[in-house]
Amino acid sequence: MNTTVRTAGLFAAAAAALTLAACNNNNADAPATPAEPTPETAPLNPSATNGAETSDIVAAASTSPEFTTLTSAIQSADLQGRLSGPGPFTVFAPTNAAFEKIPAATRTSLMQPAQKADLSKILTYHVVPGRLTAADLQAQAAANNGVATLSTVQGGKLTARDAGNGQWEVTDAKGNKAKITLADQTRSNGVVHVIDTVLMP
């Protein structure tokens, strides 16, 4: 999974792009400091983590402007306690932009109390028991003809495979594909892989 990836968001560091224009005009002759990888250039590999985190998955999501829809959905489905538990969990986390691919009327409907069971089913379909890093997914795929088959908390299956050019994708039960845009975001109770499309059971 050593590659440069394209991404719409970063789970806990969505604002990773550095703005240094206003810093130290007196140091104009100093060598330029290499920029940190942005979500659009960050490598998708097992070592590209943001370090061990003290925040759990839900707490980290709630602090990121790129995951306000996911956070609201977790609250509407009353899954905060479950996903804040010890786990560990592997979460394929859709960004706000991923949720926006769903028609607005459908999103609004899913947030209603009457749709709580359906929303919970969708969200837990994004959660796999255990801590599966990018290296783990790659190893599973290598041992199974290029495809890693994952059992979700919801009870359904997801498959992960290398789609070429180092891009990894996850396919849901309906055949929809989501790209993993940033892997290995470590949390206190698991690991998060950011995806660009909401998966459907």
C-alpha atoms as a PDB file:
ATOM      1  CA  MET A   1       0.000   0.000   0.000  1.00  0.00           C
ATOM      2  CA  ASN A   2       2.980   2.383  -0.503  1.00  0.00           C
ATOM      3  CA  THR A   3       1.418   5.130  -2.582  1.00  0.00           C
ATOM      4  CA  THR A   4       0.333   8.709  -2.879  1.00  0.00           C
ATOM      5  CA  VAL A   5      -3.383   9.042  -2.351  1.00  0.00           C
ATOM      6  CA  ARG A   6      -6.127  11.486  -3.180  1.00  0.00           C
ATOM      7  CA  THR A   7      -8.472  12.334  -0.354  1.00  0.00           C
ATOM      8  CA  ALA A   8     -11.352  14.587   0.514  1.00  0.00           C
ATOM      9  CA  GLY A   9     -10.645  14.584   4.209  1.00  0.00           C
ATOM     10  CA  LEU A  10      -8.451  13.515   7.069  1.00  0.00           C
ATOM     11  CA  PHE A  11     -10.127  11.869  10.086  1.00  0.00           C
ATOM     12  CA  ALA A  12      -8.387  13.696  12.883  1.00  0.00           C
ATOM     13  CA  ALA A  13      -6.187  16.147  10.970  1.00  0.00           C
ATOM     14  CA  ALA A  14      -8.327  17.512   8.201  1.00  0.00           C
ATOM     15  CA  ALA A  15      -6.442  20.828   8.324  1.00  0.00           C
ATOM     16  CA  ALA A  16      -2.965  19.366   7.940  1.00  0.00           C
ATOM     17  CA  ALA A  17      -1.897  21.760   5.174  1.00  0.00           C
ATOM     18  CA  LEU A  18       0.646  24.187   6.577  1.00  0.00           C
ATOM     19  CA  THR A  19       0.385  27.953   6.043  1.00  0.00           C
ATOM     20  CA  LEU A  20       3.785  29.519   6.607  1.00  0.00           C
ATOM     21  CA  ALA A  21       3.557  32.675   4.535  1.00  0.00           C
ATOM     22  CA  ALA A  22       3.419  34.995   7.534  1.00  0.00           C
ATOM     23  CA  CYS A  23       6.266  33.453   9.473  1.00  0.00           C
ATOM     24  CA  ASN A  24       9.656  35.105  10.092  1.00  0.00           C
ATOM     25  CA  ASN A  25      10.308  37.490   7.218  1.00  0.00           C
ATOM     26  CA  ASN A  26      13.763  38.001   8.783  1.00  0.00           C
ATOM     27  CA  ASN A  27      14.646  34.388   7.929  1.00  0.00           C
ATOM     28  CA  ALA A  28      14.144  34.719   4.187  1.00  0.00           C
ATOM     29  CA  ASP A  29      17.621  33.302   3.525  1.00  0.00           C
ATOM     30  CA  ALA A  30      17.101  30.241   5.696  1.00  0.00           C
ATOM     31  CA  PRO A  31      16.638  26.889   3.901  1.00  0.00           C
ATOM     32  CA  ALA A  32      13.026  26.007   3.291  1.00  0.00           C
ATOM     33  CA  THR A  33      11.561  23.398   5.586  1.00  0.00           C
ATOM     34  CA  PRO A  34       9.945  20.501   3.695  1.00  0.00           C
ATOM     35  CA  ALA A  35       6.170  20.621   3.959  1.00  0.00           C
ATOM     36  CA  GLU A  36       4.320  17.934   5.857  1.00  0.00           C
ATOM     37  CA  PRO A  37       2.264  15.565   3.692  1.00  0.00           C
ATOM     38  CA  THR A  38      -1.221  16.887   3.077  1.00  0.00           C
ATOM     39  CA  PRO A  39      -4.283  14.641   2.756  1.00  0.00           C
ATOM     40  CA  GLU A  40      -3.721  14.807  -1.013  1.00  0.00           C
ATOM     41  CA  THR A  41      -0.114  13.635  -0.852  1.00  0.00           C
ATOM     42  CA  ALA A  42      -0.011  11.479   2.257  1.00  0.00           C
ATOM     43  CA  PRO A  43       1.296   7.956   1.662  1.00  0.00           C
ATOM     44  CA  LEU A  44      -1.135   5.099   2.222  1.00  0.00           C
ATOM     45  CA  ASN A  45       1.161   2.707   4.016  1.00  0.00           C
ATOM     46  CA  PRO A  46       1.418   1.006   7.391  1.00  0.00           C
ATOM     47  CA  SER A  47       3.967   3.494   8.730  1.00  0.00           C
ATOM     48  CA  ALA A  48       1.934   6.574   7.797  1.00  0.00           C
ATOM     49  CA  THR A  49       0.074   6.793  11.063  1.00  0.00           C
ATOM     50  CA  ASN A  50      -0.456   9.937  13.065  1.00  0.00           C
ATOM     51  CA  GLY A  51       0.837   8.260  16.201  1.00  0.00           C
ATOM     52  CA  ALA A  52      -0.963   6.622  19.072  1.00  0.00           C
ATOM     53  CA  GLU A  53      -3.940   8.706  20.122  1.00  0.00           C
ATOM     54  CA  THR A  54      -5.489   9.141  23.533  1.00  0.00           C
ATOM     55  CA  SER A  55      -8.882   9.964  22.017  1.00  0.00           C
ATOM     56  CA  ASP A  56     -11.279   7.186  21.101  1.00  0.00           C
ATOM     57  CA  ILE A  57     -12.836   6.915  17.648  1.00  0.00           C
ATOM     58  CA  VAL A  58     -15.982   8.897  18.473  1.00  0.00           C
ATOM     59  CA  ALA A  59     -14.168  11.640  20.395  1.00  0.00           C
ATOM     60  CA  ALA A  60     -11.684  12.131  17.571  1.00  0.00           C
ATOM     61  CA  ALA A  61     -14.436  12.308  14.954  1.00  0.00           C
ATOM     62  CA  SER A  62     -16.316  14.916  16.960  1.00  0.00           C
ATOM     63  CA  THR A  63     -13.351  17.307  16.840  1.00  0.00           C
ATOM     64  CA  SER A  64     -12.878  17.139  13.060  1.00  0.00           C
ATOM     65  CA  PRO A  65     -14.790  19.504  10.744  1.00  0.00           C
ATOM     66  CA  GLU A  66     -14.601  16.863   8.004  1.00  0.00           C
ATOM     67  CA  PHE A  67     -16.662  14.392  10.026  1.00  0.00           C
ATOM     68  CA  THR A  68     -19.585  16.440  11.352  1.00  0.00           C
ATOM     69  CA  THR A  69     -22.107  14.360   9.394  1.00  0.00           C
ATOM     70  CA  LEU A  70     -20.618  11.101  10.647  1.00  0.00           C
ATOM     71  CA  THR A  71     -20.662  12.426  14.204  1.00  0.00           C
ATOM     72  CA  SER A  72     -24.313  13.480  13.884  1.00  0.00           C
ATOM     73  CA  ALA A  73     -25.193  10.087  12.438  1.00  0.00           C
ATOM     74  CA  ILE A  74     -23.484   8.276  15.317  1.00  0.00           C
ATOM     75  CA  GLN A  75     -25.463  10.398  17.769  1.00  0.00           C
ATOM     76  CA  SER A  76     -28.754   9.849  15.919  1.00  0.00           C
ATOM     77  CA  ALA A  77     -28.167   6.091  15.927  1.00  0.00           C
ATOM     78  CA  ASP A  78     -27.199   6.221  19.618  1.00  0.00           C
ATOM     79  CA  LEU A  79     -23.893   4.472  18.949  1.00  0.00           C
ATOM     80  CA  GLN A  80     -21.609   6.800  20.940  1.00  0.00           C
ATOM     81  CA  GLY A  81     -21.260   4.399  23.855  1.00  0.00           C
ATOM     82  CA  ARG A  82     -20.658   1.376  21.682  1.00  0.00           C
ATOM     83  CA  LEU A  83     -18.011   2.989  19.488  1.00  0.00           C
ATOM     84  CA  SER A  84     -16.352   4.653  22.477  1.00  0.00           C
ATOM     85  CA  GLY A  85     -15.906   1.263  24.143  1.00  0.00           C
ATOM     86  CA  PRO A  86     -12.603  -0.566  24.458  1.00  0.00           C
ATOM     87  CA  GLY A  87     -12.956  -2.370  21.140  1.00  0.00           C
ATOM     88  CA  PRO A  88     -10.667  -2.588  19.398  1.00  0.00           C
ATOM     89  CA  PHE A  89     -12.439  -1.587  16.194  1.00  0.00           C
ATOM     90  CA  THR A  90     -11.436  -0.897  12.626  1.00  0.00           C
ATOM     91  CA  VAL A  91     -13.612   1.848  11.167  1.00  0.00           C
ATOM     92  CA  PHE A  92     -13.946   2.814   7.520  1.00  0.00           C
ATOM     93  CA  ALA A  93     -14.960   6.424   8.091  1.00  0.00           C
ATOM     94  CA  PRO A  94     -16.832   8.395   5.416  1.00  0.00           C
ATOM     95  CA  THR A  95     -16.134  12.119   5.241  1.00  0.00           C
ATOM     96  CA  ASN A  96     -18.801  14.807   4.922  1.00  0.00           C
ATOM     97  CA  ALA A  97     -18.176  14.767   1.171  1.00  0.00           C
ATOM     98  CA  ALA A  98     -18.889  11.028   1.114  1.00  0.00           C
ATOM     99  CA  PHE A  99     -22.251  11.558   2.829  1.00  0.00           C
ATOM    100  CA  GLU A 100     -23.072  14.324   0.359  1.00  0.00           C
ATOM    101  CA  LYS A 101     -23.104  11.734  -2.418  1.00  0.00           C
ATOM    102  CA  ILE A 102     -26.319  10.435  -0.830  1.00  0.00           C
ATOM    103  CA  PRO A 103     -29.419  12.435  -1.863  1.00  0.00           C
ATOM    104  CA  ALA A 104     -30.250  15.109   0.715  1.00  0.00           C
ATOM    105  CA  ALA A 105     -33.758  13.753   1.273  1.00  0.00           C
ATOM    106  CA  THR A 106     -32.367  10.301   2.066  1.00  0.00           C
ATOM    107  CA  ARG A 107     -29.806  11.732   4.490  1.00  0.00           C
ATOM    108  CA  THR A 108     -32.474  13.741   6.281  1.00  0.00           C
ATOM    109  CA  SER A 109     -34.760  10.722   6.494  1.00  0.00           C
ATOM    110  CA  LEU A 110     -32.034   8.516   7.951  1.00  0.00           C
ATOM    111  CA  MET A 111     -31.452  11.007  10.774  1.00  0.00           C
ATOM    112  CA  GLN A 112     -35.064  10.748  11.943  1.00  0.00           C
ATOM    113  CA  PRO A 113     -35.878   8.678  15.062  1.00  0.00           C
ATOM    114  CA  ALA A 114     -38.063   6.335  13.015  1.00  0.00           C
ATOM    115  CA  GLN A 115     -35.011   5.372  10.919  1.00  0.00           C
ATOM    116  CA  LYS A 116     -32.699   4.741  13.857  1.00  0.00           C
ATOM    117  CA  ALA A 117     -32.453   0.995  13.192  1.00  0.00           C
ATOM    118  CA  ASP A 118     -31.615   1.511   9.514  1.00  0.00           C
ATOM    119  CA  LEU A 119     -29.028   4.174  10.321  1.00  0.00           C
ATOM    120  CA  SER A 120     -27.438   1.948  12.950  1.00  0.00           C
ATOM    121  CA  LYS A 121     -27.251  -0.875  10.417  1.00  0.00           C
ATOM    122  CA  ILE A 122     -25.453   1.361   7.912  1.00  0.00           C
ATOM    123  CA  LEU A 123     -22.995   2.753  10.453  1.00  0.00           C
ATOM    124  CA  THR A 124     -22.087  -0.591  12.027  1.00  0.00           C
ATOM    125  CA  TYR A 125     -21.518  -1.923   8.513  1.00  0.00           C
ATOM    126  CA  HIS A 126     -18.492   0.410   8.452  1.00  0.00           C
ATOM    127  CA  VAL A 127     -17.033  -1.190  11.592  1.00  0.00           C
ATOM    128  CA  VAL A 128     -14.937  -4.373  11.697  1.00  0.00           C
ATOM    129  CA  PRO A 129     -13.983  -6.026  15.008  1.00  0.00           C
ATOM    130  CA  GLY A 130     -10.276  -5.894  15.786  1.00  0.00           C
ATOM    131  CA  ARG A 131      -7.469  -3.561  14.802  1.00  0.00           C
ATOM    132  CA  LEU A 132      -6.694  -4.027  11.097  1.00  0.00           C
ATOM    133  CA  THR A 133      -3.931  -1.826   9.789  1.00  0.00           C
ATOM    134  CA  ALA A 134      -3.142  -1.231   6.139  1.00  0.00           C
ATOM    135  CA  ALA A 135      -0.449  -3.896   6.419  1.00  0.00           C
ATOM    136  CA  ASP A 136      -3.008  -6.370   7.770  1.00  0.00           C
ATOM    137  CA  LEU A 137      -5.374  -5.697   4.874  1.00  0.00           C
ATOM    138  CA  GLN A 138      -2.547  -6.104   2.415  1.00  0.00           C
ATOM    139  CA  ALA A 139      -1.463  -9.390   4.005  1.00  0.00           C
ATOM    140  CA  GLN A 140      -5.002 -10.774   3.979  1.00  0.00           C
ATOM    141  CA  ALA A 141      -5.439  -9.822   0.337  1.00  0.00           C
ATOM    142  CA  ALA A 142      -2.105 -11.366  -0.623  1.00  0.00           C
ATOM    143  CA  ALA A 143      -3.173 -14.646   1.005  1.00  0.00           C
ATOM    144  CA  ASN A 144      -6.574 -14.675  -0.728  1.00  0.00           C
ATOM    145  CA  ASN A 145      -5.995 -14.002  -4.409  1.00  0.00           C
ATOM    146  CA  GLY A 146      -5.797 -10.243  -3.928  1.00  0.00           C
ATOM    147  CA  VAL A 147      -9.009  -9.828  -1.932  1.00  0.00           C
ATOM    148  CA  ALA A 148      -9.407  -9.320   1.830  1.00  0.00           C
ATOM    149  CA  THR A 149     -12.889 -10.301   3.030  1.00  0.00           C
ATOM    150  CA  LEU A 150     -13.971  -8.549   6.225  1.00  0.00           C
ATOM    151  CA  SER A 151     -16.853  -9.391   8.572  1.00  0.00           C
ATOM    152  CA  THR A 152     -18.497  -6.263   9.970  1.00  0.00           C
ATOM    153  CA  VAL A 153     -20.135  -5.591  13.325  1.00  0.00           C
ATOM    154  CA  GLN A 154     -23.424  -5.297  11.420  1.00  0.00           C
ATOM    155  CA  GLY A 155     -23.021  -8.899  10.263  1.00  0.00           C
ATOM    156  CA  GLY A 156     -22.365  -8.265   6.577  1.00  0.00           C
ATOM    157  CA  LYS A 157     -19.218  -8.535   4.506  1.00  0.00           C
ATOM    158  CA  LEU A 158     -16.867  -6.011   2.943  1.00  0.00           C
ATOM    159  CA  THR A 159     -14.067  -6.761   0.523  1.00  0.00           C
ATOM    160  CA  ALA A 160     -10.840  -4.811   0.135  1.00  0.00           C
ATOM    161  CA  ARG A 161      -8.506  -4.994  -2.828  1.00  0.00           C
ATOM    162  CA  ASP A 162      -5.758  -3.112  -4.621  1.00  0.00           C
ATOM    163  CA  ALA A 163      -7.521  -1.295  -7.470  1.00  0.00           C
ATOM    164  CA  GLY A 164      -4.264  -0.462  -9.236  1.00  0.00           C
ATOM    165  CA  ASN A 165      -1.798   2.397  -9.039  1.00  0.00           C
ATOM    166  CA  GLY A 166      -1.580   1.710  -5.324  1.00  0.00           C
ATOM    167  CA  GLN A 167      -5.188   2.734  -4.752  1.00  0.00           C
ATOM    168  CA  TRP A 168      -7.072   0.477  -2.365  1.00  0.00           C
ATOM    169  CA  GLU A 169     -10.823   0.217  -2.452  1.00  0.00           C
ATOM    170  CA  VAL A 170     -13.525  -1.324  -0.296  1.00  0.00           C
ATOM    171  CA  THR A 171     -16.599  -2.863  -1.937  1.00  0.00           C
ATOM    172  CA  ASP A 172     -19.931  -3.205  -0.154  1.00  0.00           C
ATOM    173  CA  ALA A 173     -22.708  -5.780  -0.505  1.00  0.00           C
ATOM    174  CA  LYS A 174     -24.376  -3.744  -3.252  1.00  0.00           C
ATOM    175  CA  GLY A 175     -21.215  -3.471  -5.326  1.00  0.00           C
ATOM    176  CA  ASN A 176     -20.513   0.166  -4.432  1.00  0.00           C
ATOM    177  CA  LYS A 177     -16.830   1.004  -4.165  1.00  0.00           C
ATOM    178  CA  ALA A 178     -15.144   3.383  -1.722  1.00  0.00           C
ATOM    179  CA  LYS A 179     -11.508   4.428  -1.997  1.00  0.00           C
ATOM    180  CA  ILE A 180      -9.353   4.379   1.100  1.00  0.00           C
ATOM    181  CA  THR A 181      -7.978   7.894   0.974  1.00  0.00           C
ATOM    182  CA  LEU A 182      -6.009   7.797   4.225  1.00  0.00           C
ATOM    183  CA  ALA A 183      -5.115   4.720   6.245  1.00  0.00           C
ATOM    184  CA  ASP A 184      -3.960   3.918   9.763  1.00  0.00           C
ATOM    185  CA  GLN A 185      -5.370   6.771  11.811  1.00  0.00           C
ATOM    186  CA  THR A 186      -4.661   5.314  15.236  1.00  0.00           C
ATOM    187  CA  ARG A 187      -7.111   5.850  18.085  1.00  0.00           C
ATOM    188  CA  SER A 188      -7.140   4.597  21.674  1.00  0.00           C
ATOM    189  CA  ASN A 189      -9.742   1.934  20.825  1.00  0.00           C
ATOM    190  CA  GLY A 190      -8.852   1.055  17.269  1.00  0.00           C
ATOM    191  CA  VAL A 191      -7.797   2.309  13.882  1.00  0.00           C
ATOM    192  CA  VAL A 192      -9.566   4.387  11.245  1.00  0.00           C
ATOM    193  CA  HIS A 193      -9.270   4.295   7.462  1.00  0.00           C
ATOM    194  CA  VAL A 194     -10.829   7.325   5.770  1.00  0.00           C
ATOM    195  CA  ILE A 195     -13.064   6.559   2.758  1.00  0.00           C
ATOM    196  CA  ASP A 196     -14.701   8.701   0.091  1.00  0.00           C
ATOM    197  CA  THR A 197     -18.068   6.897  -0.236  1.00  0.00           C
ATOM    198  CA  VAL A 198     -20.669   5.642   2.242  1.00  0.00           C
ATOM    199  CA  LEU A 199     -20.925   1.847   2.199  1.00  0.00           C
ATOM    200  CA  MET A 200     -24.318   0.153   2.138  1.00  0.00           C
ATOM    201  CA  PRO A 201     -25.178  -3.284   3.554  1.00  0.00           C
END
